[in-house]
Amino acid sequence: MKRRTFVGLMAGAAVCSTGKFTTEALAQSKPLDVARMLEVTRVPGVAVSGTKGDGPYQLFAGVERVGGARVTASTFFPAASLTKPVFAWAVRNLVKQGKLDWDRPLQDYADLGLEGTARKITALHVVTHSTGLPNWRFQPNVPLASTFEPGTKWQYSGEGFVLLQRVVEKITGRPIAEYMRTAVLEPLLMTQSTFAWSPEVQKVAASGHDRQGALLERSLAFYEQRNYETLQKSNLTPATATYDQIAAAYQQNKQPFLPVAMSPNMAGSLQTTIGDYGVFLAHVLKAVTQSADDFKARVEVNRDIAWAPGWGVDRSFKTPSLFHWGDGPGFKNFCWIQPAKKSAMVFFTNGDSGAALYAWLFRQVMNEDPSAFYWI
């Protein structure tokens, strides 16, 4: 995108500083030049929200899509893998209610078709990415197999989250998107969020862009749309369909069924606004201060990185922080919780180069450079 065009789009970009909201641009002698970095990274838009120290923080800059409306507090973004911590919150609640045991094999709750070592996989293994399963399968009918003894190593896996999703449906007797709405989103007052994509959501959502800043045809919305249409052919909607119904719909419509492509998907189908996700992080920050053991590291990755239930743990500073990232076609997101500084921030971007942008913004706003950025 040419600089003149980009600056025109950025002319009304908002860095929110109303009420109690503050921005680094007000605190520094040198303004935070977000427009410049949007141009450099070729990312059309960014949104940031959360708590920094003792006060709230928000920032909006750029546009929802090239030539489109500005990014605002009401712009929907696909959370991508930032879905996982929200689902882990729901799972934690089920454990506290005595409906799910962290250490009981998932195969005991539902027939998941697991064999061999994979039959030992528990909910705790899933949320700490220690199942030994691959991230995703891309060939239908390939059985799931653990490549190591569950619980002994770290290996990122979306497949594990889908297994746990099926167990939660079995325990609660409800479709996962419906359950998450009533058990998590509504109680936390995340009123602008859903796990069930629809064309109506897309009308108010940001669009994904490639590394050149052009609209990406096969962004996350492309796959959500395809899944939605498949379910519609079987008179289903993502809001009320169970895993078994979705799998049957794909079979009925003679389409290969892969968990990576299904939705709702607790590994990555949350559609939300920056404000709503900031609300979620505020609840997590409070929970960490009240029940630190629930968020302690369980699986080691390296000297600076470990994994707690639902969260990465960054130990590059004196006290540990929690983090997670979201990475999907056309979107790159990041969130950070630093209890020692009473900080909790989320960054949404709508470009494939968004990781560079959110890392730069984080360093400018937080004045820190965690190891997580170099490990992700």
Protein backbone atom coordinates (compact mmCIF):
# COMPACT_ATOMS: atom_id res chain seq x y z
CA MET A 1 0.00 0.00 0.00
CA LYS A 2 1.38 3.45 -0.90
CA ARG A 3 2.27 5.75 1.98
CA ARG A 4 -0.08 8.51 0.81
CA THR A 5 -3.02 6.08 0.69
CA PHE A 6 -2.11 4.58 4.04
CA VAL A 7 -1.76 7.94 5.77
CA GLY A 8 -5.17 8.89 4.41
CA LEU A 9 -6.67 5.79 5.92
CA MET A 10 -4.90 6.50 9.18
CA ALA A 11 -5.98 10.12 9.43
CA GLY A 12 -8.82 9.23 11.75
CA ALA A 13 -7.20 6.31 13.51
CA ALA A 14 -8.13 6.48 17.17
CA VAL A 15 -5.82 6.08 20.11
CA CYS A 16 -8.42 6.15 22.84
CA SER A 17 -7.68 8.38 25.81
CA THR A 18 -11.13 9.21 27.16
CA GLY A 19 -12.14 8.88 30.79
CA LYS A 20 -9.59 6.86 32.75
CA PHE A 21 -7.98 5.42 29.63
CA THR A 22 -4.39 6.49 29.15
CA THR A 23 -1.94 5.94 26.32
CA GLU A 24 1.80 5.78 26.10
CA ALA A 25 1.60 8.66 23.63
CA LEU A 26 0.56 10.91 26.51
CA ALA A 27 3.19 9.54 28.85
CA GLN A 28 6.17 9.80 26.49
CA SER A 29 7.80 12.85 24.99
CA LYS A 30 7.94 10.94 21.71
CA PRO A 31 4.48 10.04 20.36
CA LEU A 32 3.63 6.41 19.71
CA ASP A 33 3.77 6.35 15.91
CA VAL A 34 1.39 3.47 15.23
CA ALA A 35 0.57 4.71 11.73
CA ARG A 36 4.22 4.39 10.74
CA MET A 37 4.46 0.79 11.96
CA LEU A 38 1.17 -0.16 10.31
CA GLU A 39 2.70 1.00 7.05
CA VAL A 40 6.03 -0.75 7.68
CA THR A 41 4.43 -4.09 8.60
CA ARG A 42 1.64 -3.79 5.98
CA VAL A 43 -0.95 -4.61 8.63
CA PRO A 44 -4.15 -2.62 8.01
CA GLY A 45 -5.41 -2.44 11.58
CA VAL A 46 -4.74 -3.14 15.24
CA ALA A 47 -6.69 -3.03 18.51
CA VAL A 48 -5.32 -3.21 22.05
CA SER A 49 -7.17 -3.42 25.35
CA GLY A 50 -6.59 -4.30 28.96
CA THR A 51 -5.10 -3.06 32.19
CA LYS A 52 -1.69 -1.50 32.54
CA GLY A 53 -0.70 -1.02 36.16
CA ASP A 54 -3.58 0.59 37.98
CA GLY A 55 -5.52 1.86 34.97
CA PRO A 56 -7.35 0.63 31.85
CA TYR A 57 -5.71 0.97 28.45
CA GLN A 58 -7.13 0.93 24.92
CA LEU A 59 -5.73 1.69 21.51
CA PHE A 60 -7.34 1.47 18.07
CA ALA A 61 -5.55 2.26 14.81
CA GLY A 62 -6.01 1.57 11.12
CA VAL A 63 -8.88 -0.04 9.31
CA GLU A 64 -10.94 -3.24 9.41
CA ARG A 65 -10.00 -3.92 5.79
CA VAL A 66 -8.18 -2.03 3.05
CA GLY A 67 -10.45 0.82 2.01
CA GLY A 68 -12.89 0.03 4.79
CA ALA A 69 -14.05 1.44 8.11
CA ARG A 70 -11.78 2.24 11.00
CA VAL A 71 -11.05 -0.32 13.70
CA THR A 72 -13.16 0.49 16.77
CA ALA A 73 -14.11 -1.04 20.09
CA SER A 74 -17.02 -2.81 18.35
CA THR A 75 -14.94 -4.43 15.59
CA PHE A 76 -15.07 -8.23 15.77
CA PHE A 77 -11.86 -10.21 15.39
CA PRO A 78 -11.36 -13.96 15.25
CA ALA A 79 -9.46 -14.79 18.41
CA ALA A 80 -7.80 -17.80 16.70
CA SER A 81 -5.89 -19.70 19.41
CA LEU A 82 -6.73 -17.07 22.01
CA THR A 83 -9.89 -19.21 22.13
CA LYS A 84 -7.97 -21.85 24.09
CA PRO A 85 -7.53 -19.90 27.36
CA VAL A 86 -11.26 -19.09 27.40
CA PHE A 87 -12.15 -22.77 26.97
CA ALA A 88 -9.56 -23.70 29.62
CA TRP A 89 -11.40 -21.30 31.96
CA ALA A 90 -14.62 -23.26 31.38
CA VAL A 91 -12.82 -26.55 31.97
CA ARG A 92 -11.31 -25.20 35.20
CA ASN A 93 -14.81 -24.31 36.37
CA LEU A 94 -16.06 -27.85 35.65
CA VAL A 95 -13.18 -29.22 37.70
CA LYS A 96 -14.05 -26.92 40.61
CA GLN A 97 -17.67 -28.07 40.37
CA GLY A 98 -16.56 -31.70 40.64
CA LYS A 99 -17.93 -32.59 37.20
CA LEU A 100 -14.52 -33.21 35.64
CA ASP A 101 -11.28 -34.61 37.06
CA TRP A 102 -8.02 -33.09 35.81
CA ASP A 103 -6.29 -36.47 36.01
CA ARG A 104 -8.95 -38.88 34.78
CA PRO A 105 -8.47 -40.16 31.21
CA LEU A 106 -10.82 -38.51 28.72
CA GLN A 107 -11.59 -41.92 27.27
CA ASP A 108 -13.37 -42.72 30.57
CA TYR A 109 -15.89 -39.94 29.92
CA ALA A 110 -16.67 -40.63 26.26
CA ASP A 111 -15.73 -43.08 23.53
CA LEU A 112 -13.19 -40.98 21.64
CA GLY A 113 -11.70 -43.85 19.68
CA LEU A 114 -8.29 -43.41 21.27
CA GLU A 115 -5.85 -46.27 21.30
CA GLY A 116 -2.53 -47.13 22.91
CA THR A 117 -0.82 -44.41 24.94
CA ALA A 118 -3.42 -41.86 23.80
CA ARG A 119 -5.98 -43.58 26.03
CA LYS A 120 -4.13 -42.05 29.00
CA ILE A 121 -4.73 -38.45 27.88
CA THR A 122 -6.42 -36.34 30.55
CA ALA A 123 -7.94 -32.86 30.63
CA LEU A 124 -4.79 -31.55 32.31
CA HIS A 125 -2.67 -32.99 29.49
CA VAL A 126 -4.84 -31.16 26.95
CA VAL A 127 -4.71 -27.71 28.56
CA THR A 128 -0.95 -28.00 29.17
CA HIS A 129 -0.25 -29.27 25.62
CA SER A 130 1.35 -32.47 26.87
CA THR A 131 -0.87 -35.03 25.10
CA GLY A 132 1.75 -36.07 22.57
CA LEU A 133 -0.80 -35.49 19.80
CA PRO A 134 -0.08 -33.49 16.62
CA ASN A 135 -1.37 -29.96 16.30
CA TRP A 136 -3.77 -30.99 13.51
CA ARG A 137 -4.38 -33.82 11.08
CA PHE A 138 -4.78 -32.84 7.44
CA GLN A 139 -5.77 -36.24 6.10
CA PRO A 140 -9.20 -37.68 6.99
CA ASN A 141 -9.53 -40.94 8.91
CA VAL A 142 -5.97 -40.83 10.26
CA PRO A 143 -6.12 -42.18 13.83
CA LEU A 144 -4.81 -40.01 16.65
CA ALA A 145 -1.66 -41.30 18.30
CA SER A 146 0.54 -39.89 21.04
CA THR A 147 4.21 -39.68 20.12
CA PHE A 148 5.27 -39.77 23.78
CA GLU A 149 3.88 -40.63 27.22
CA PRO A 150 1.20 -38.02 27.97
CA GLY A 151 2.32 -35.53 30.58
CA THR A 152 6.06 -35.95 30.04
CA LYS A 153 6.75 -33.35 27.33
CA TRP A 154 5.28 -30.25 25.72
CA GLN A 155 3.88 -30.36 22.18
CA TYR A 156 1.25 -27.91 20.95
CA SER A 157 -1.99 -29.64 19.93
CA GLY A 158 -5.33 -28.32 18.74
CA GLU A 159 -6.54 -31.91 18.30
CA GLY A 160 -6.38 -32.35 22.06
CA PHE A 161 -8.73 -29.41 22.59
CA VAL A 162 -11.30 -30.96 20.25
CA LEU A 163 -11.16 -34.20 22.26
CA LEU A 164 -11.79 -32.23 25.44
CA GLN A 165 -14.58 -30.31 23.69
CA ARG A 166 -16.32 -33.62 23.03
CA VAL A 167 -15.96 -34.62 26.67
CA VAL A 168 -17.42 -31.31 27.86
CA GLU A 169 -20.41 -31.86 25.58
CA LYS A 170 -20.82 -35.33 27.05
CA ILE A 171 -20.62 -34.10 30.65
CA THR A 172 -22.94 -31.12 30.21
CA GLY A 173 -25.31 -32.68 27.68
CA ARG A 174 -25.27 -29.49 25.61
CA PRO A 175 -23.79 -28.26 22.31
CA ILE A 176 -20.43 -26.64 23.02
CA ALA A 177 -21.17 -23.15 21.63
CA GLU A 178 -24.40 -22.97 23.61
CA TYR A 179 -22.70 -24.19 26.76
CA MET A 180 -19.84 -21.71 26.44
CA ARG A 181 -22.30 -18.88 25.90
CA THR A 182 -24.27 -19.58 29.07
CA ALA A 183 -21.42 -20.87 31.27
CA VAL A 184 -18.67 -18.39 30.35
CA LEU A 185 -19.57 -15.52 28.05
CA GLU A 186 -22.75 -14.39 29.79
CA PRO A 187 -21.46 -14.71 33.38
CA LEU A 188 -18.31 -12.75 32.47
CA LEU A 189 -20.43 -10.13 30.64
CA MET A 190 -18.68 -10.84 27.34
CA THR A 191 -21.78 -9.73 25.48
CA GLN A 192 -20.04 -9.11 22.15
CA SER A 193 -18.54 -12.58 21.77
CA THR A 194 -19.58 -15.92 20.31
CA PHE A 195 -18.05 -19.30 19.53
CA ALA A 196 -20.47 -19.72 16.63
CA TRP A 197 -19.49 -17.87 13.45
CA SER A 198 -22.30 -16.54 11.26
CA PRO A 199 -22.60 -14.21 8.26
CA GLU A 200 -24.06 -11.61 10.64
CA VAL A 201 -20.88 -11.66 12.73
CA GLN A 202 -18.75 -11.26 9.62
CA LYS A 203 -20.59 -8.07 8.67
CA VAL A 204 -19.03 -6.31 11.66
CA ALA A 205 -15.71 -8.14 11.64
CA ALA A 206 -12.24 -7.27 10.48
CA SER A 207 -10.96 -9.04 7.36
CA GLY A 208 -7.66 -10.90 7.11
CA HIS A 209 -4.78 -9.64 4.96
CA ASP A 210 -1.61 -11.22 3.57
CA ARG A 211 1.97 -10.09 4.19
CA GLN A 212 1.65 -7.50 1.43
CA GLY A 213 -1.41 -5.93 3.04
CA ALA A 214 -3.86 -7.28 0.43
CA LEU A 215 -7.14 -8.97 1.32
CA LEU A 216 -6.56 -12.67 1.91
CA GLU A 217 -9.11 -14.82 0.13
CA ARG A 218 -8.61 -17.87 2.34
CA SER A 219 -8.50 -16.15 5.70
CA LEU A 220 -10.13 -17.60 8.81
CA ALA A 221 -13.53 -16.33 7.65
CA PHE A 222 -13.21 -18.37 4.44
CA TYR A 223 -13.07 -21.63 6.42
CA GLU A 224 -15.79 -20.52 8.82
CA GLN A 225 -18.04 -19.72 5.85
CA ARG A 226 -17.41 -23.13 4.28
CA ASN A 227 -18.18 -24.91 7.55
CA TYR A 228 -21.33 -22.81 8.03
CA GLU A 229 -22.62 -23.70 4.57
CA THR A 230 -21.96 -27.41 5.16
CA LEU A 231 -23.99 -27.34 8.36
CA GLN A 232 -26.78 -25.33 6.71
CA LYS A 233 -27.22 -28.10 4.14
CA SER A 234 -28.06 -30.42 7.04
CA ASN A 235 -30.32 -27.85 8.72
CA LEU A 236 -27.77 -27.17 11.44
CA THR A 237 -26.12 -24.04 12.78
CA PRO A 238 -22.80 -23.70 14.66
CA ALA A 239 -24.68 -22.18 17.61
CA THR A 240 -26.59 -25.38 18.36
CA ALA A 241 -24.71 -28.23 16.66
CA THR A 242 -22.78 -30.86 18.60
CA TYR A 243 -19.53 -32.46 17.50
CA ASP A 244 -21.35 -35.64 16.47
CA GLN A 245 -23.91 -33.68 14.43
CA ILE A 246 -21.17 -31.72 12.67
CA ALA A 247 -19.25 -34.88 11.82
CA ALA A 248 -22.46 -36.45 10.46
CA ALA A 249 -23.21 -33.34 8.36
CA TYR A 250 -19.84 -33.56 6.65
CA GLN A 251 -20.41 -37.23 5.94
CA GLN A 252 -23.93 -36.58 4.68
CA ASN A 253 -22.64 -33.91 2.30
CA LYS A 254 -19.78 -36.16 1.15
CA GLN A 255 -17.09 -33.83 2.43
CA PRO A 256 -13.96 -34.96 4.29
CA PHE A 257 -14.26 -34.30 7.99
CA LEU A 258 -11.24 -32.84 9.76
CA PRO A 259 -11.37 -31.32 13.25
CA VAL A 260 -9.16 -28.45 12.10
CA ALA A 261 -11.90 -27.30 9.71
CA MET A 262 -14.94 -27.78 11.95
CA SER A 263 -16.60 -25.00 13.91
CA PRO A 264 -17.44 -24.38 16.70
CA ASN A 265 -13.96 -25.42 17.69
CA MET A 266 -12.58 -24.81 21.17
CA ALA A 267 -9.09 -24.56 19.74
CA GLY A 268 -9.87 -21.48 17.69
CA SER A 269 -13.44 -20.40 16.85
CA LEU A 270 -14.07 -17.54 19.31
CA GLN A 271 -15.27 -14.37 17.59
CA THR A 272 -14.90 -11.38 19.89
CA THR A 273 -14.14 -7.70 20.32
CA ILE A 274 -11.01 -6.28 21.88
CA GLY A 275 -13.03 -4.97 24.82
CA ASP A 276 -14.65 -8.31 25.56
CA TYR A 277 -11.33 -10.13 25.55
CA GLY A 278 -9.93 -7.47 27.83
CA VAL A 279 -12.80 -8.22 30.22
CA PHE A 280 -11.84 -11.89 30.18
CA LEU A 281 -8.21 -11.07 30.96
CA ALA A 282 -9.30 -8.95 33.92
CA HIS A 283 -11.10 -11.99 35.35
CA VAL A 284 -8.02 -14.15 34.82
CA LEU A 285 -5.75 -11.56 36.46
CA LYS A 286 -8.03 -11.54 39.50
CA ALA A 287 -8.13 -15.35 39.59
CA VAL A 288 -4.33 -15.56 39.41
CA THR A 289 -3.96 -13.31 42.43
CA GLN A 290 -6.55 -15.32 44.38
CA SER A 291 -5.64 -18.88 43.29
CA ALA A 292 -2.06 -18.81 42.06
CA ASP A 293 -1.71 -22.60 42.21
CA ASP A 294 -4.36 -22.97 39.47
CA PHE A 295 -1.98 -21.18 37.09
CA LYS A 296 1.38 -22.57 38.10
CA ALA A 297 3.69 -24.16 35.54
CA ARG A 298 3.06 -27.88 35.04
CA VAL A 299 5.12 -28.70 31.94
CA GLU A 300 8.62 -27.41 31.18
CA VAL A 301 9.52 -26.17 27.71
CA ASN A 302 12.86 -24.42 28.24
CA ARG A 303 14.61 -22.25 30.83
CA ASP A 304 12.29 -19.28 30.20
CA ILE A 305 9.07 -20.93 28.98
CA ALA A 306 6.74 -23.42 30.65
CA TRP A 307 3.06 -24.25 30.42
CA ALA A 308 0.26 -23.90 32.97
CA PRO A 309 -3.38 -24.97 32.45
CA GLY A 310 -4.48 -22.91 29.46
CA TRP A 311 -1.49 -20.58 29.47
CA GLY A 312 2.14 -20.23 28.53
CA VAL A 313 4.36 -19.12 31.41
CA ASP A 314 7.14 -16.61 30.69
CA ARG A 315 9.88 -16.59 33.33
CA SER A 316 12.23 -14.08 31.70
CA PHE A 317 11.54 -11.53 34.47
CA LYS A 318 11.78 -11.80 38.26
CA THR A 319 8.20 -13.07 38.58
CA PRO A 320 6.34 -15.27 36.06
CA SER A 321 3.83 -13.89 33.57
CA LEU A 322 1.14 -15.67 31.53
CA PHE A 323 0.83 -15.39 27.76
CA HIS A 324 -0.84 -16.86 24.71
CA TRP A 325 -0.90 -16.13 21.02
CA GLY A 326 -3.41 -16.53 18.20
CA ASP A 327 -2.17 -17.38 14.73
CA GLY A 328 -4.53 -17.91 11.80
CA PRO A 329 -4.57 -16.97 8.11
CA GLY A 330 -4.79 -13.18 7.99
CA PHE A 331 -4.76 -12.62 11.76
CA LYS A 332 -2.08 -12.55 14.46
CA ASN A 333 -3.00 -11.93 18.12
CA PHE A 334 -1.29 -11.93 21.50
CA CYS A 335 -2.21 -11.56 25.16
CA TRP A 336 -0.16 -11.08 28.33
CA ILE A 337 -0.90 -11.19 32.05
CA GLN A 338 1.73 -9.90 34.48
CA PRO A 339 0.37 -10.20 38.02
CA ALA A 340 3.40 -8.50 39.59
CA LYS A 341 2.56 -5.30 37.68
CA LYS A 342 -1.23 -5.72 37.74
CA SER A 343 -1.17 -5.76 33.95
CA ALA A 344 -3.26 -7.73 31.45
CA MET A 345 -3.21 -6.81 27.75
CA VAL A 346 -4.55 -8.22 24.49
CA PHE A 347 -3.46 -7.28 20.97
CA PHE A 348 -5.51 -8.09 17.84
CA THR A 349 -4.19 -7.53 14.30
CA ASN A 350 -5.69 -8.27 10.87
CA GLY A 351 -2.54 -9.05 8.91
CA ASP A 352 -0.16 -11.95 8.41
CA SER A 353 2.69 -9.71 9.59
CA GLY A 354 0.80 -8.87 12.75
CA ALA A 355 3.24 -10.62 15.09
CA ALA A 356 5.91 -8.06 14.29
CA LEU A 357 3.44 -5.27 14.91
CA TYR A 358 2.08 -6.52 18.22
CA ALA A 359 5.59 -7.27 19.50
CA TRP A 360 6.69 -3.71 18.66
CA LEU A 361 3.58 -2.25 20.27
CA PHE A 362 4.06 -4.36 23.38
CA ARG A 363 7.63 -3.16 23.81
CA GLN A 364 6.57 0.46 23.38
CA VAL A 365 3.58 0.29 25.69
CA MET A 366 4.89 -2.08 28.37
CA ASN A 367 8.59 -1.12 28.21
CA GLU A 368 9.54 -4.80 28.39
CA ASP A 369 10.85 -7.43 26.00
CA PRO A 370 9.75 -10.92 27.13
CA SER A 371 11.26 -14.17 25.90
CA ALA A 372 7.84 -15.28 24.66
CA PHE A 373 8.22 -13.17 21.49
CA TYR A 374 11.42 -14.99 20.54
CA TRP A 375 9.99 -18.41 21.27
CA ILE A 376 6.57 -18.23 19.56
